[in-house]
Amino acid sequence: MAKEKSSDFKVEFGEPVGMIAAQSVGEPGTQMILRSFHFAGIESAIATSGLPRIVELVDAKKRPTTPLSTIYLDAKASRNIDDAEKVAAKINEVRMGTLVRRIIENFAKGTIKIALSRQELESEDMTPRQVADRLGKLLSLEVAVEGLVLTVKTHTKNLKEVRAVRVKIMRSVISGIEGAGKAIVQKNLKTGEFYIISAGSNIEGMMGIEGIDKSRIYTNDVFAIYRLFGIEAARNAIARELQLTLDEQKISVDLRHLLLIADAMTASGSVKGVGRHGLSGEKKSVFARAAYEETVKHLINAAAFGETDQMRGVTENILVGKQIPIGTGSVRLAIKKEDMSKVKP
């Protein structure tokens, strides 16, 4: 086979690459099913997949519906299940609400009694004393222990203030990394390597845990990656997540189309969605903005502030019936005035 030239892979002048990229994802998107999959051991981790996942990616949703992180371990912990479990225990987020069996407020005495669940304590390998010490440190309040019952002295008898302390108690993170969610150890059957799946996306907090391979930590939360690693990493994450979602549905889309979408979403230096609050709503053309959503608002604002439309895009030229600037329509021919006499009628 003849060797292909690098020029064979280049896009022809006037090729509407944005339109083709949109069609390449949009057309198979009409055939995608609402599929989800469950991670064993994580009750809440039913990962969003299919069309809903595509929508939340291109809309640049601040937080995914089901955030998940994959935490790879260093050479020692990745080969030893006990070491991997210890790392997972440091990551695993345990909130007070999961340990409580019953909670009673005594407004007359200004105290809150908390009955802990023995089963939950054993599953998290914790003692009532450890819970009390952690809770007292977080709330800066005195916490007494009697068997499985904790008594918190709020130093107030005001109903609203006591109730506010109760809410803080139930939301308090007793152990692990806040925002990390439930963490479980998994094993790669091909390599025999242990790694951790976490139902959360606080990878910044996880980076400080000893035993983690910081170069391979990953989350499906694009904004978490953007905050920690920067816009280039966020761009790669968008393209990767789009490709993974399409691959799960056995749909083949050229990576270059996905990269173009990711480039457009991150070209400004921050992650923006493609909708009216992002790329479509920020177009320079008045007609292009009006053609997408909120037509009347854009036209009235443009008239009120005296905006002009240069008519350089595809949408606005279609609206007024002019030739669109793609393909042969992007070519402009000119002739010198002195050569006009040479043109035969």
C-alpha atoms as a PDB file:
ATOM      1  CA  MET A   1       0.000   0.000   0.000  1.00  0.00           C
ATOM      2  CA  ALA A   2       1.299   3.438  -0.918  1.00  0.00           C
ATOM      3  CA  LYS A   3       2.523   5.519   1.989  1.00  0.00           C
ATOM      4  CA  GLU A   4      -0.069   8.109   2.961  1.00  0.00           C
ATOM      5  CA  LYS A   5       1.017  11.741   2.951  1.00  0.00           C
ATOM      6  CA  SER A   6       0.503  13.883   6.017  1.00  0.00           C
ATOM      7  CA  SER A   7      -1.502  16.231   3.801  1.00  0.00           C
ATOM      8  CA  ASP A   8      -4.096  13.461   3.302  1.00  0.00           C
ATOM      9  CA  PHE A   9      -5.169  13.878   6.918  1.00  0.00           C
ATOM     10  CA  LYS A  10      -5.644  17.637   6.733  1.00  0.00           C
ATOM     11  CA  VAL A  11      -9.068  19.224   6.468  1.00  0.00           C
ATOM     12  CA  GLU A  12      -9.954  20.817   3.166  1.00  0.00           C
ATOM     13  CA  PHE A  13     -10.435  24.580   3.087  1.00  0.00           C
ATOM     14  CA  GLY A  14     -14.057  25.484   3.737  1.00  0.00           C
ATOM     15  CA  GLU A  15     -14.926  22.190   5.397  1.00  0.00           C
ATOM     16  CA  PRO A  16     -17.667  22.791   8.043  1.00  0.00           C
ATOM     17  CA  VAL A  17     -15.878  20.818  10.757  1.00  0.00           C
ATOM     18  CA  GLY A  18     -18.052  22.144  13.591  1.00  0.00           C
ATOM     19  CA  MET A  19     -21.242  21.086  11.858  1.00  0.00           C
ATOM     20  CA  ILE A  20     -19.849  17.638  11.074  1.00  0.00           C
ATOM     21  CA  ALA A  21     -18.662  17.178  14.667  1.00  0.00           C
ATOM     22  CA  ALA A  22     -22.123  18.106  15.963  1.00  0.00           C
ATOM     23  CA  GLN A  23     -23.795  15.675  13.573  1.00  0.00           C
ATOM     24  CA  SER A  24     -21.302  12.921  14.429  1.00  0.00           C
ATOM     25  CA  VAL A  25     -22.355  13.012  18.082  1.00  0.00           C
ATOM     26  CA  GLY A  26     -25.965  14.157  17.659  1.00  0.00           C
ATOM     27  CA  GLU A  27     -27.084  11.508  15.157  1.00  0.00           C
ATOM     28  CA  PRO A  28     -25.967   8.457  17.173  1.00  0.00           C
ATOM     29  CA  GLY A  29     -27.257  10.232  20.283  1.00  0.00           C
ATOM     30  CA  THR A  30     -30.811   9.704  18.980  1.00  0.00           C
ATOM     31  CA  GLN A  31     -30.215   5.944  19.123  1.00  0.00           C
ATOM     32  CA  MET A  32     -28.594   5.820  22.557  1.00  0.00           C
ATOM     33  CA  ILE A  33     -30.450   4.057  25.338  1.00  0.00           C
ATOM     34  CA  LEU A  34     -30.786   5.109  28.978  1.00  0.00           C
ATOM     35  CA  ARG A  35     -28.329   2.599  30.350  1.00  0.00           C
ATOM     36  CA  SER A  36     -26.714   2.589  33.781  1.00  0.00           C
ATOM     37  CA  PHE A  37     -24.368   0.207  35.586  1.00  0.00           C
ATOM     38  CA  HIS A  38     -23.896  -0.539  39.259  1.00  0.00           C
ATOM     39  CA  PHE A  39     -20.623  -0.732  41.193  1.00  0.00           C
ATOM     40  CA  ALA A  40     -20.663  -3.648  43.618  1.00  0.00           C
ATOM     41  CA  GLY A  41     -20.204  -2.460  47.189  1.00  0.00           C
ATOM     42  CA  ILE A  42     -21.245   1.129  46.514  1.00  0.00           C
ATOM     43  CA  GLU A  43     -25.005   1.441  46.907  1.00  0.00           C
ATOM     44  CA  SER A  44     -25.186   4.983  45.549  1.00  0.00           C
ATOM     45  CA  ALA A  45     -22.800   4.436  42.647  1.00  0.00           C
ATOM     46  CA  ILE A  46     -25.163   3.702  39.779  1.00  0.00           C
ATOM     47  CA  ALA A  47     -23.115   5.511  37.177  1.00  0.00           C
ATOM     48  CA  THR A  48     -24.935   7.779  34.741  1.00  0.00           C
ATOM     49  CA  SER A  49     -24.383   6.576  31.206  1.00  0.00           C
ATOM     50  CA  GLY A  50     -25.836   6.882  27.731  1.00  0.00           C
ATOM     51  CA  LEU A  51     -27.574  10.052  26.583  1.00  0.00           C
ATOM     52  CA  PRO A  52     -27.939  11.641  30.069  1.00  0.00           C
ATOM     53  CA  ARG A  53     -24.160  11.480  30.497  1.00  0.00           C
ATOM     54  CA  ILE A  54     -23.556  13.049  27.065  1.00  0.00           C
ATOM     55  CA  VAL A  55     -25.965  15.877  27.946  1.00  0.00           C
ATOM     56  CA  GLU A  56     -24.330  16.673  31.297  1.00  0.00           C
ATOM     57  CA  LEU A  57     -20.890  16.706  29.643  1.00  0.00           C
ATOM     58  CA  VAL A  58     -21.741  19.071  26.769  1.00  0.00           C
ATOM     59  CA  ASP A  59     -23.835  21.250  29.096  1.00  0.00           C
ATOM     60  CA  ALA A  60     -20.782  21.513  31.413  1.00  0.00           C
ATOM     61  CA  LYS A  61     -22.715  20.528  34.517  1.00  0.00           C
ATOM     62  CA  LYS A  62     -20.783  21.711  37.588  1.00  0.00           C
ATOM     63  CA  ARG A  63     -21.049  18.332  39.303  1.00  0.00           C
ATOM     64  CA  PRO A  64     -21.860  14.987  37.656  1.00  0.00           C
ATOM     65  CA  THR A  65     -24.986  13.142  38.763  1.00  0.00           C
ATOM     66  CA  THR A  66     -22.864  10.218  39.909  1.00  0.00           C
ATOM     67  CA  PRO A  67     -19.285  11.351  40.613  1.00  0.00           C
ATOM     68  CA  LEU A  68     -16.770   8.506  40.591  1.00  0.00           C
ATOM     69  CA  SER A  69     -13.018   8.440  41.112  1.00  0.00           C
ATOM     70  CA  THR A  70     -10.459   5.797  40.246  1.00  0.00           C
ATOM     71  CA  ILE A  71      -7.498   5.838  42.625  1.00  0.00           C
ATOM     72  CA  TYR A  72      -4.463   3.797  41.662  1.00  0.00           C
ATOM     73  CA  LEU A  73      -1.972   2.812  44.347  1.00  0.00           C
ATOM     74  CA  ASP A  74       1.820   2.794  44.606  1.00  0.00           C
ATOM     75  CA  ALA A  75       3.882  -0.343  43.895  1.00  0.00           C
ATOM     76  CA  LYS A  76       3.560  -1.696  47.448  1.00  0.00           C
ATOM     77  CA  ALA A  77      -0.141  -1.111  48.126  1.00  0.00           C
ATOM     78  CA  SER A  78      -1.255  -2.196  44.648  1.00  0.00           C
ATOM     79  CA  ARG A  79       0.046  -5.739  45.264  1.00  0.00           C
ATOM     80  CA  ASN A  80      -1.142  -6.203  48.852  1.00  0.00           C
ATOM     81  CA  ILE A  81      -4.858  -6.336  49.686  1.00  0.00           C
ATOM     82  CA  ASP A  82      -4.298  -5.357  53.323  1.00  0.00           C
ATOM     83  CA  ASP A  83      -2.325  -2.242  52.375  1.00  0.00           C
ATOM     84  CA  ALA A  84      -4.948  -1.366  49.765  1.00  0.00           C
ATOM     85  CA  GLU A  85      -7.731  -1.720  52.370  1.00  0.00           C
ATOM     86  CA  LYS A  86      -5.853   0.603  54.745  1.00  0.00           C
ATOM     87  CA  VAL A  87      -5.597   3.273  52.041  1.00  0.00           C
ATOM     88  CA  ALA A  88      -9.296   2.827  51.216  1.00  0.00           C
ATOM     89  CA  ALA A  89     -10.187   3.264  54.913  1.00  0.00           C
ATOM     90  CA  LYS A  90      -8.346   6.608  54.964  1.00  0.00           C
ATOM     91  CA  ILE A  91     -10.301   7.766  51.906  1.00  0.00           C
ATOM     92  CA  ASN A  92     -13.726   6.330  52.760  1.00  0.00           C
ATOM     93  CA  GLU A  93     -16.056   9.150  53.821  1.00  0.00           C
ATOM     94  CA  VAL A  94     -18.077   8.293  56.941  1.00  0.00           C
ATOM     95  CA  ARG A  95     -20.704  10.810  57.972  1.00  0.00           C
ATOM     96  CA  MET A  96     -22.347  10.801  61.372  1.00  0.00           C
ATOM     97  CA  GLY A  97     -25.749  10.224  59.783  1.00  0.00           C
ATOM     98  CA  THR A  98     -24.737   6.706  58.711  1.00  0.00           C
ATOM     99  CA  LEU A  99     -23.701   5.729  62.261  1.00  0.00           C
ATOM    100  CA  VAL A 100     -26.788   7.027  64.085  1.00  0.00           C
ATOM    101  CA  ARG A 101     -29.641   4.684  65.015  1.00  0.00           C
ATOM    102  CA  ARG A 102     -31.646   7.280  66.914  1.00  0.00           C
ATOM    103  CA  ILE A 103     -31.226  10.919  67.957  1.00  0.00           C
ATOM    104  CA  ILE A 104     -33.202  12.762  70.667  1.00  0.00           C
ATOM    105  CA  GLU A 105     -33.120  16.495  71.462  1.00  0.00           C
ATOM    106  CA  ASN A 106     -33.800  17.722  74.997  1.00  0.00           C
ATOM    107  CA  PHE A 107     -34.558  21.429  74.718  1.00  0.00           C
ATOM    108  CA  ALA A 108     -35.132  21.823  78.469  1.00  0.00           C
ATOM    109  CA  LYS A 109     -31.596  20.650  79.276  1.00  0.00           C
ATOM    110  CA  GLY A 110     -29.968  21.780  76.011  1.00  0.00           C
ATOM    111  CA  THR A 111     -28.611  18.308  75.243  1.00  0.00           C
ATOM    112  CA  ILE A 112     -28.728  15.920  72.302  1.00  0.00           C
ATOM    113  CA  LYS A 113     -28.576  12.152  72.857  1.00  0.00           C
ATOM    114  CA  ILE A 114     -27.308   9.997  70.015  1.00  0.00           C
ATOM    115  CA  ALA A 115     -27.797   6.231  69.930  1.00  0.00           C
ATOM    116  CA  LEU A 116     -25.159   4.679  67.665  1.00  0.00           C
ATOM    117  CA  SER A 117     -25.662   1.602  65.515  1.00  0.00           C
ATOM    118  CA  ARG A 118     -23.393  -1.255  66.639  1.00  0.00           C
ATOM    119  CA  GLN A 119     -23.542  -2.824  63.177  1.00  0.00           C
ATOM    120  CA  GLU A 120     -22.465   0.371  61.421  1.00  0.00           C
ATOM    121  CA  LEU A 121     -19.661   0.971  63.934  1.00  0.00           C
ATOM    122  CA  GLU A 122     -18.323  -2.538  63.374  1.00  0.00           C
ATOM    123  CA  SER A 123     -18.525  -2.200  59.583  1.00  0.00           C
ATOM    124  CA  GLU A 124     -16.487   1.022  59.755  1.00  0.00           C
ATOM    125  CA  ASP A 125     -14.157  -0.436  62.432  1.00  0.00           C
ATOM    126  CA  MET A 126     -14.836   2.413  64.865  1.00  0.00           C
ATOM    127  CA  THR A 127     -15.604   2.721  68.590  1.00  0.00           C
ATOM    128  CA  PRO A 128     -18.065   5.102  70.334  1.00  0.00           C
ATOM    129  CA  ARG A 129     -15.108   6.851  71.990  1.00  0.00           C
ATOM    130  CA  GLN A 130     -13.474   7.549  68.605  1.00  0.00           C
ATOM    131  CA  VAL A 131     -16.750   8.965  67.292  1.00  0.00           C
ATOM    132  CA  ALA A 132     -17.205  11.131  70.396  1.00  0.00           C
ATOM    133  CA  ASP A 133     -13.658  12.514  70.225  1.00  0.00           C
ATOM    134  CA  ARG A 134     -14.003  13.368  66.538  1.00  0.00           C
ATOM    135  CA  LEU A 135     -17.445  14.917  67.021  1.00  0.00           C
ATOM    136  CA  GLY A 136     -16.314  16.993  70.008  1.00  0.00           C
ATOM    137  CA  LYS A 137     -13.346  18.309  68.010  1.00  0.00           C
ATOM    138  CA  LEU A 138     -15.490  19.232  65.012  1.00  0.00           C
ATOM    139  CA  LEU A 139     -18.225  20.988  67.021  1.00  0.00           C
ATOM    140  CA  SER A 140     -16.025  22.326  69.848  1.00  0.00           C
ATOM    141  CA  LEU A 141     -18.570  20.889  72.299  1.00  0.00           C
ATOM    142  CA  GLU A 142     -18.432  18.432  75.199  1.00  0.00           C
ATOM    143  CA  VAL A 143     -19.501  14.896  74.212  1.00  0.00           C
ATOM    144  CA  ALA A 144     -20.048  12.238  76.912  1.00  0.00           C
ATOM    145  CA  VAL A 145     -19.985   8.495  76.163  1.00  0.00           C
ATOM    146  CA  GLU A 146     -22.073   5.801  77.854  1.00  0.00           C
ATOM    147  CA  GLY A 147     -22.059   2.504  75.995  1.00  0.00           C
ATOM    148  CA  LEU A 148     -23.452   3.191  72.509  1.00  0.00           C
ATOM    149  CA  VAL A 149     -25.063   6.474  73.580  1.00  0.00           C
ATOM    150  CA  LEU A 150     -23.394   9.866  73.111  1.00  0.00           C
ATOM    151  CA  THR A 151     -24.615  12.979  74.911  1.00  0.00           C
ATOM    152  CA  VAL A 152     -23.777  16.340  73.366  1.00  0.00           C
ATOM    153  CA  LYS A 153     -24.064  19.428  75.579  1.00  0.00           C
ATOM    154  CA  THR A 154     -25.042  22.351  73.380  1.00  0.00           C
ATOM    155  CA  HIS A 155     -24.819  25.053  76.130  1.00  0.00           C
ATOM    156  CA  THR A 156     -28.087  26.564  74.898  1.00  0.00           C
ATOM    157  CA  LYS A 157     -31.801  25.911  75.379  1.00  0.00           C
ATOM    158  CA  ASN A 158     -32.901  27.829  72.310  1.00  0.00           C
ATOM    159  CA  LEU A 159     -34.879  25.498  70.037  1.00  0.00           C
ATOM    160  CA  LYS A 160     -33.421  26.934  66.824  1.00  0.00           C
ATOM    161  CA  GLU A 161     -29.825  26.729  68.065  1.00  0.00           C
ATOM    162  CA  VAL A 162     -30.203  23.166  69.384  1.00  0.00           C
ATOM    163  CA  ARG A 163     -31.743  22.101  66.073  1.00  0.00           C
ATOM    164  CA  ALA A 164     -28.847  23.743  64.201  1.00  0.00           C
ATOM    165  CA  VAL A 165     -26.379  21.668  66.285  1.00  0.00           C
ATOM    166  CA  ARG A 166     -28.341  18.517  65.431  1.00  0.00           C
ATOM    167  CA  VAL A 167     -28.068  19.266  61.704  1.00  0.00           C
ATOM    168  CA  LYS A 168     -24.311  19.842  62.045  1.00  0.00           C
ATOM    169  CA  ILE A 169     -23.953  16.545  63.927  1.00  0.00           C
ATOM    170  CA  MET A 170     -25.711  14.538  61.225  1.00  0.00           C
ATOM    171  CA  ARG A 171     -23.606  16.137  58.461  1.00  0.00           C
ATOM    172  CA  SER A 172     -20.267  15.848  60.255  1.00  0.00           C
ATOM    173  CA  VAL A 173     -17.562  13.748  58.577  1.00  0.00           C
ATOM    174  CA  ILE A 174     -16.274  11.400  61.285  1.00  0.00           C
ATOM    175  CA  SER A 175     -13.527   9.769  59.220  1.00  0.00           C
ATOM    176  CA  GLY A 176     -12.100   9.782  55.709  1.00  0.00           C
ATOM    177  CA  ILE A 177     -12.009  12.547  53.111  1.00  0.00           C
ATOM    178  CA  GLU A 178     -15.010  14.851  52.821  1.00  0.00           C
ATOM    179  CA  GLY A 179     -16.463  14.547  49.336  1.00  0.00           C
ATOM    180  CA  ALA A 180     -14.714  11.225  48.658  1.00  0.00           C
ATOM    181  CA  GLY A 181     -17.821   9.097  49.214  1.00  0.00           C
ATOM    182  CA  LYS A 182     -17.757   5.356  49.766  1.00  0.00           C
ATOM    183  CA  ALA A 183     -14.406   3.821  48.792  1.00  0.00           C
ATOM    184  CA  ILE A 184     -13.934   0.149  47.956  1.00  0.00           C
ATOM    185  CA  VAL A 185     -10.977  -1.903  46.748  1.00  0.00           C
ATOM    186  CA  GLN A 186     -11.186  -3.499  43.301  1.00  0.00           C
ATOM    187  CA  LYS A 187      -8.806  -5.838  41.494  1.00  0.00           C
ATOM    188  CA  ASN A 188      -7.730  -5.666  37.877  1.00  0.00           C
ATOM    189  CA  LEU A 189      -8.045  -9.279  36.728  1.00  0.00           C
ATOM    190  CA  LYS A 190      -5.593  -8.782  33.859  1.00  0.00           C
ATOM    191  CA  THR A 191      -2.726  -7.249  35.832  1.00  0.00           C
ATOM    192  CA  GLY A 192      -3.573  -8.485  39.338  1.00  0.00           C
ATOM    193  CA  GLU A 193      -3.284  -4.883  40.546  1.00  0.00           C
ATOM    194  CA  PHE A 194      -5.475  -3.538  43.368  1.00  0.00           C
ATOM    195  CA  TYR A 195      -7.019  -0.103  42.993  1.00  0.00           C
ATOM    196  CA  ILE A 196      -9.801   1.903  44.656  1.00  0.00           C
ATOM    197  CA  ILE A 197     -13.141   3.085  43.316  1.00  0.00           C
ATOM    198  CA  SER A 198     -14.665   6.019  45.208  1.00  0.00           C
ATOM    199  CA  ALA A 199     -18.209   7.410  44.888  1.00  0.00           C
ATOM    200  CA  GLY A 200     -16.962  10.994  45.109  1.00  0.00           C
ATOM    201  CA  SER A 201     -14.709  13.429  43.281  1.00  0.00           C
ATOM    202  CA  ASN A 202     -12.605  15.204  45.913  1.00  0.00           C
ATOM    203  CA  ILE A 203      -9.325  14.109  44.314  1.00  0.00           C
ATOM    204  CA  GLU A 204      -7.583  17.147  45.784  1.00  0.00           C
ATOM    205  CA  GLY A 205      -8.194  15.779  49.275  1.00  0.00           C
ATOM    206  CA  MET A 206      -7.229  12.263  48.228  1.00  0.00           C
ATOM    207  CA  MET A 207      -3.859  13.417  46.861  1.00  0.00           C
ATOM    208  CA  GLY A 208      -2.544  13.831  50.412  1.00  0.00           C
ATOM    209  CA  ILE A 209      -3.103  10.175  51.321  1.00  0.00           C
ATOM    210  CA  GLU A 210       0.051   8.071  51.530  1.00  0.00           C
ATOM    211  CA  GLY A 211       0.076   5.035  49.259  1.00  0.00           C
ATOM    212  CA  ILE A 212      -1.672   6.692  46.302  1.00  0.00           C
ATOM    213  CA  ASP A 213      -0.097   6.950  42.855  1.00  0.00           C
ATOM    214  CA  LYS A 214      -0.742  10.660  42.294  1.00  0.00           C
ATOM    215  CA  SER A 215       0.129  10.459  38.597  1.00  0.00           C
ATOM    216  CA  ARG A 216      -2.789   8.095  37.864  1.00  0.00           C
ATOM    217  CA  ILE A 217      -5.652   9.413  40.000  1.00  0.00           C
ATOM    218  CA  TYR A 218      -8.736  10.135  37.870  1.00  0.00           C
ATOM    219  CA  THR A 219     -12.340  11.281  38.276  1.00  0.00           C
ATOM    220  CA  ASN A 220     -15.290  11.671  35.927  1.00  0.00           C
ATOM    221  CA  ASP A 221     -15.865  15.152  37.393  1.00  0.00           C
ATOM    222  CA  VAL A 222     -14.514  17.507  34.712  1.00  0.00           C
ATOM    223  CA  PHE A 223     -14.602  20.583  36.975  1.00  0.00           C
ATOM    224  CA  ALA A 224     -12.648  18.769  39.720  1.00  0.00           C
ATOM    225  CA  ILE A 225      -9.932  18.000  37.143  1.00  0.00           C
ATOM    226  CA  TYR A 226     -10.027  21.610  35.911  1.00  0.00           C
ATOM    227  CA  ARG A 227      -9.577  23.022  39.421  1.00  0.00           C
ATOM    228  CA  LEU A 228      -6.679  20.716  40.263  1.00  0.00           C
ATOM    229  CA  PHE A 229      -4.839  20.138  36.970  1.00  0.00           C
ATOM    230  CA  GLY A 230      -5.869  23.027  34.713  1.00  0.00           C
ATOM    231  CA  ILE A 231      -7.771  23.632  31.497  1.00  0.00           C
ATOM    232  CA  GLU A 232      -5.725  21.297  29.255  1.00  0.00           C
ATOM    233  CA  ALA A 233      -6.455  18.360  31.555  1.00  0.00           C
ATOM    234  CA  ALA A 234     -10.145  19.340  31.602  1.00  0.00           C
ATOM    235  CA  ARG A 235     -10.172  19.397  27.793  1.00  0.00           C
ATOM    236  CA  ASN A 236      -8.711  15.875  27.675  1.00  0.00           C
ATOM    237  CA  ALA A 237     -11.205  14.706  30.317  1.00  0.00           C
ATOM    238  CA  ILE A 238     -14.194  15.974  28.314  1.00  0.00           C
ATOM    239  CA  ALA A 239     -13.030  14.151  25.174  1.00  0.00           C
ATOM    240  CA  ARG A 240     -12.226  10.991  27.150  1.00  0.00           C
ATOM    241  CA  GLU A 241     -15.575  10.928  28.952  1.00  0.00           C
ATOM    242  CA  LEU A 242     -17.451  11.479  25.686  1.00  0.00           C
ATOM    243  CA  GLN A 243     -15.545   8.642  24.034  1.00  0.00           C
ATOM    244  CA  LEU A 244     -16.052   6.266  26.989  1.00  0.00           C
ATOM    245  CA  THR A 245     -19.790   6.962  27.018  1.00  0.00           C
ATOM    246  CA  LEU A 246     -20.097   6.330  23.279  1.00  0.00           C
ATOM    247  CA  ASP A 247     -17.929   3.198  23.477  1.00  0.00           C
ATOM    248  CA  GLU A 248     -20.196   1.762  26.199  1.00  0.00           C
ATOM    249  CA  GLN A 249     -23.073   1.997  23.723  1.00  0.00           C
ATOM    250  CA  LYS A 250     -20.956   0.425  20.935  1.00  0.00           C
ATOM    251  CA  ILE A 251     -21.108   3.666  18.943  1.00  0.00           C
ATOM    252  CA  SER A 252     -18.046   4.636  16.930  1.00  0.00           C
ATOM    253  CA  VAL A 253     -17.282   8.364  16.555  1.00  0.00           C
ATOM    254  CA  ASP A 254     -13.957   9.701  15.295  1.00  0.00           C
ATOM    255  CA  LEU A 255     -11.936  11.075  18.215  1.00  0.00           C
ATOM    256  CA  ARG A 256     -11.174  14.247  16.258  1.00  0.00           C
ATOM    257  CA  HIS A 257     -14.843  15.254  16.389  1.00  0.00           C
ATOM    258  CA  LEU A 258     -14.887  14.807  20.160  1.00  0.00           C
ATOM    259  CA  LEU A 259     -11.640  16.742  20.530  1.00  0.00           C
ATOM    260  CA  LEU A 260     -13.103  19.610  18.492  1.00  0.00           C
ATOM    261  CA  ILE A 261     -16.101  19.792  20.857  1.00  0.00           C
ATOM    262  CA  ALA A 262     -13.754  19.698  23.863  1.00  0.00           C
ATOM    263  CA  ASP A 263     -11.569  22.408  22.290  1.00  0.00           C
ATOM    264  CA  ALA A 264     -14.560  24.677  21.715  1.00  0.00           C
ATOM    265  CA  MET A 265     -15.745  24.200  25.310  1.00  0.00           C
ATOM    266  CA  THR A 266     -12.334  25.062  26.799  1.00  0.00           C
ATOM    267  CA  ALA A 267     -10.853  27.558  24.299  1.00  0.00           C
ATOM    268  CA  SER A 268     -11.672  30.540  26.551  1.00  0.00           C
ATOM    269  CA  GLY A 269      -9.567  29.159  29.412  1.00  0.00           C
ATOM    270  CA  SER A 270     -12.550  27.916  31.412  1.00  0.00           C
ATOM    271  CA  VAL A 271     -15.050  25.093  30.872  1.00  0.00           C
ATOM    272  CA  LYS A 272     -18.220  26.290  29.114  1.00  0.00           C
ATOM    273  CA  GLY A 273     -21.274  24.377  27.967  1.00  0.00           C
ATOM    274  CA  VAL A 274     -22.600  24.525  24.434  1.00  0.00           C
ATOM    275  CA  GLY A 275     -26.049  25.865  25.378  1.00  0.00           C
ATOM    276  CA  ARG A 276     -27.489  29.340  25.834  1.00  0.00           C
ATOM    277  CA  HIS A 277     -25.439  29.943  28.971  1.00  0.00           C
ATOM    278  CA  GLY A 278     -22.229  28.994  27.164  1.00  0.00           C
ATOM    279  CA  LEU A 279     -21.025  28.930  23.565  1.00  0.00           C
ATOM    280  CA  SER A 280     -24.366  29.497  21.810  1.00  0.00           C
ATOM    281  CA  GLY A 281     -25.303  32.386  24.087  1.00  0.00           C
ATOM    282  CA  GLU A 282     -21.941  34.115  23.597  1.00  0.00           C
ATOM    283  CA  LYS A 283     -21.794  34.169  19.791  1.00  0.00           C
ATOM    284  CA  LYS A 284     -20.980  37.559  18.280  1.00  0.00           C
ATOM    285  CA  SER A 285     -23.779  37.297  15.748  1.00  0.00           C
ATOM    286  CA  VAL A 286     -27.189  38.539  16.940  1.00  0.00           C
ATOM    287  CA  PHE A 287     -29.068  36.245  14.537  1.00  0.00           C
ATOM    288  CA  ALA A 288     -26.989  33.219  15.574  1.00  0.00           C
ATOM    289  CA  ARG A 289     -27.851  33.825  19.247  1.00  0.00           C
ATOM    290  CA  ALA A 290     -31.503  34.424  18.432  1.00  0.00           C
ATOM    291  CA  ALA A 291     -31.728  31.267  16.320  1.00  0.00           C
ATOM    292  CA  TYR A 292     -30.857  29.012  19.258  1.00  0.00           C
ATOM    293  CA  GLU A 293     -33.048  30.020  22.231  1.00  0.00           C
ATOM    294  CA  GLU A 294     -34.670  33.135  23.724  1.00  0.00           C
ATOM    295  CA  THR A 295     -35.164  34.683  20.280  1.00  0.00           C
ATOM    296  CA  VAL A 296     -37.171  37.741  21.345  1.00  0.00           C
ATOM    297  CA  LYS A 297     -34.770  38.632  24.182  1.00  0.00           C
ATOM    298  CA  HIS A 298     -31.738  38.685  21.888  1.00  0.00           C
ATOM    299  CA  LEU A 299     -33.440  40.713  19.158  1.00  0.00           C
ATOM    300  CA  ILE A 300     -34.819  43.302  21.592  1.00  0.00           C
ATOM    301  CA  ASN A 301     -31.461  43.681  23.349  1.00  0.00           C
ATOM    302  CA  ALA A 302     -29.657  44.027  20.019  1.00  0.00           C
ATOM    303  CA  ALA A 303     -32.083  46.719  18.871  1.00  0.00           C
ATOM    304  CA  ALA A 304     -31.927  48.553  22.208  1.00  0.00           C
ATOM    305  CA  PHE A 305     -28.119  48.680  22.263  1.00  0.00           C
ATOM    306  CA  GLY A 306     -27.592  49.208  18.541  1.00  0.00           C
ATOM    307  CA  GLU A 307     -25.707  45.987  17.824  1.00  0.00           C
ATOM    308  CA  THR A 308     -24.552  45.166  14.296  1.00  0.00           C
ATOM    309  CA  ASP A 309     -24.248  41.736  12.697  1.00  0.00           C
ATOM    310  CA  GLN A 310     -21.344  41.175  10.287  1.00  0.00           C
ATOM    311  CA  MET A 311     -23.080  38.105   8.772  1.00  0.00           C
ATOM    312  CA  ARG A 312     -19.915  36.002   8.752  1.00  0.00           C
ATOM    313  CA  GLY A 313     -21.307  32.765  10.182  1.00  0.00           C
ATOM    314  CA  VAL A 314     -23.429  29.944   8.826  1.00  0.00           C
ATOM    315  CA  THR A 315     -26.614  30.386  10.890  1.00  0.00           C
ATOM    316  CA  GLU A 316     -27.159  34.080  10.259  1.00  0.00           C
ATOM    317  CA  ASN A 317     -26.683  33.715   6.478  1.00  0.00           C
ATOM    318  CA  ILE A 318     -29.195  30.872   6.308  1.00  0.00           C
ATOM    319  CA  LEU A 319     -31.701  33.027   8.193  1.00  0.00           C
ATOM    320  CA  VAL A 320     -31.540  35.862   5.642  1.00  0.00           C
ATOM    321  CA  GLY A 321     -31.181  33.601   2.594  1.00  0.00           C
ATOM    322  CA  LYS A 322     -27.601  34.468   1.705  1.00  0.00           C
ATOM    323  CA  GLN A 323     -24.913  32.077   0.502  1.00  0.00           C
ATOM    324  CA  ILE A 324     -23.310  30.404   3.508  1.00  0.00           C
ATOM    325  CA  PRO A 325     -19.511  30.753   3.974  1.00  0.00           C
ATOM    326  CA  ILE A 326     -18.607  27.056   3.794  1.00  0.00           C
ATOM    327  CA  GLY A 327     -17.377  24.864   0.958  1.00  0.00           C
ATOM    328  CA  THR A 328     -17.533  26.714  -2.371  1.00  0.00           C
ATOM    329  CA  GLY A 329     -19.401  29.522  -0.613  1.00  0.00           C
ATOM    330  CA  SER A 330     -16.259  30.416   1.298  1.00  0.00           C
ATOM    331  CA  VAL A 331     -14.422  31.348  -1.915  1.00  0.00           C
ATOM    332  CA  ARG A 332     -14.451  34.985  -3.047  1.00  0.00           C
ATOM    333  CA  LEU A 333     -13.255  35.958  -6.542  1.00  0.00           C
ATOM    334  CA  ALA A 334     -11.949  39.414  -7.444  1.00  0.00           C
ATOM    335  CA  ILE A 335     -10.776  41.078 -10.646  1.00  0.00           C
ATOM    336  CA  LYS A 336      -8.634  44.160 -11.167  1.00  0.00           C
ATOM    337  CA  LYS A 337     -10.440  47.170 -12.570  1.00  0.00           C
ATOM    338  CA  GLU A 338      -7.987  47.531 -15.449  1.00  0.00           C
ATOM    339  CA  ASP A 339      -8.623  43.918 -16.468  1.00  0.00           C
ATOM    340  CA  MET A 340     -12.356  44.483 -16.803  1.00  0.00           C
ATOM    341  CA  SER A 341     -11.847  45.754 -20.360  1.00  0.00           C
ATOM    342  CA  LYS A 342     -10.418  42.380 -21.334  1.00  0.00           C
ATOM    343  CA  VAL A 343     -13.581  40.563 -20.306  1.00  0.00           C
ATOM    344  CA  LYS A 344     -15.654  39.706 -23.322  1.00  0.00           C
ATOM    345  CA  PRO A 345     -19.356  40.522 -23.069  1.00  0.00           C
END
